[in-house]
């Protein structure tokens, strides 16, 4: 009887191992599998009205069939050349002008392009994005509960506190992650307005869901982490 139990356990472990290897049923299984083959999705990187093109990051859509932990190592872009024949509209059917197109917006490219195609799509459909998705894509939120992510947002070329200063003054900030973000007034969410920021640079601290603290003084950040 004992021999049968051991054999059963061995078979069960073998089956689970095969499942993990062949179908990737670990925690990193097919992270972009929610994308559809017939709905090509990208995120706006660059809007160039003068040269009439929009550059889109299509990395997630391209990796929709990939499994495993290495899906973020390669990026893919798509250049959509816009002509008077290209229809750009929202999900509600409203026509969009160049001034309405923001960096970071989610866009469906119609029709689906081949790998070699960087040309003129028939249509660009601007898709809605919940704030949480925008925050996550911009790397604002902490990766887990009871953790904090520090964001130093600054204007172009005006970084007040750099990596060296933070490592010396607030090394605790690196536990949950820290990054420097250049303010983009043409982003899909205006973060200065969103977080009621009066001037730059500003230091913001986020938990896994929202902004919980902001200041322009690194000493305040040190006190915040010291109180946790």
Foldseek 3Di string as FASTA:
>chain_A
DVVVVVVVVVVVVVVVVCCCVVQVPDPQFQPLLVADPFWQKWFWDDQDVPQQKTKTWRLSVVSNHPGDDCSPVDTDMAIAHDDPQEFEEEPVGHGDDSLRDFGGWMWTFPGDDDPPDRYHTNYIYTYDDPPLVSCVVVPQEFPDAPAKAKEWEFAPPDRDADPVNCCVQPVVNPVRYYDYHHQDCRHPDRVCVVVVPDHDGKMWMHYRGGTDDIDPDVVVVNVVVVVD
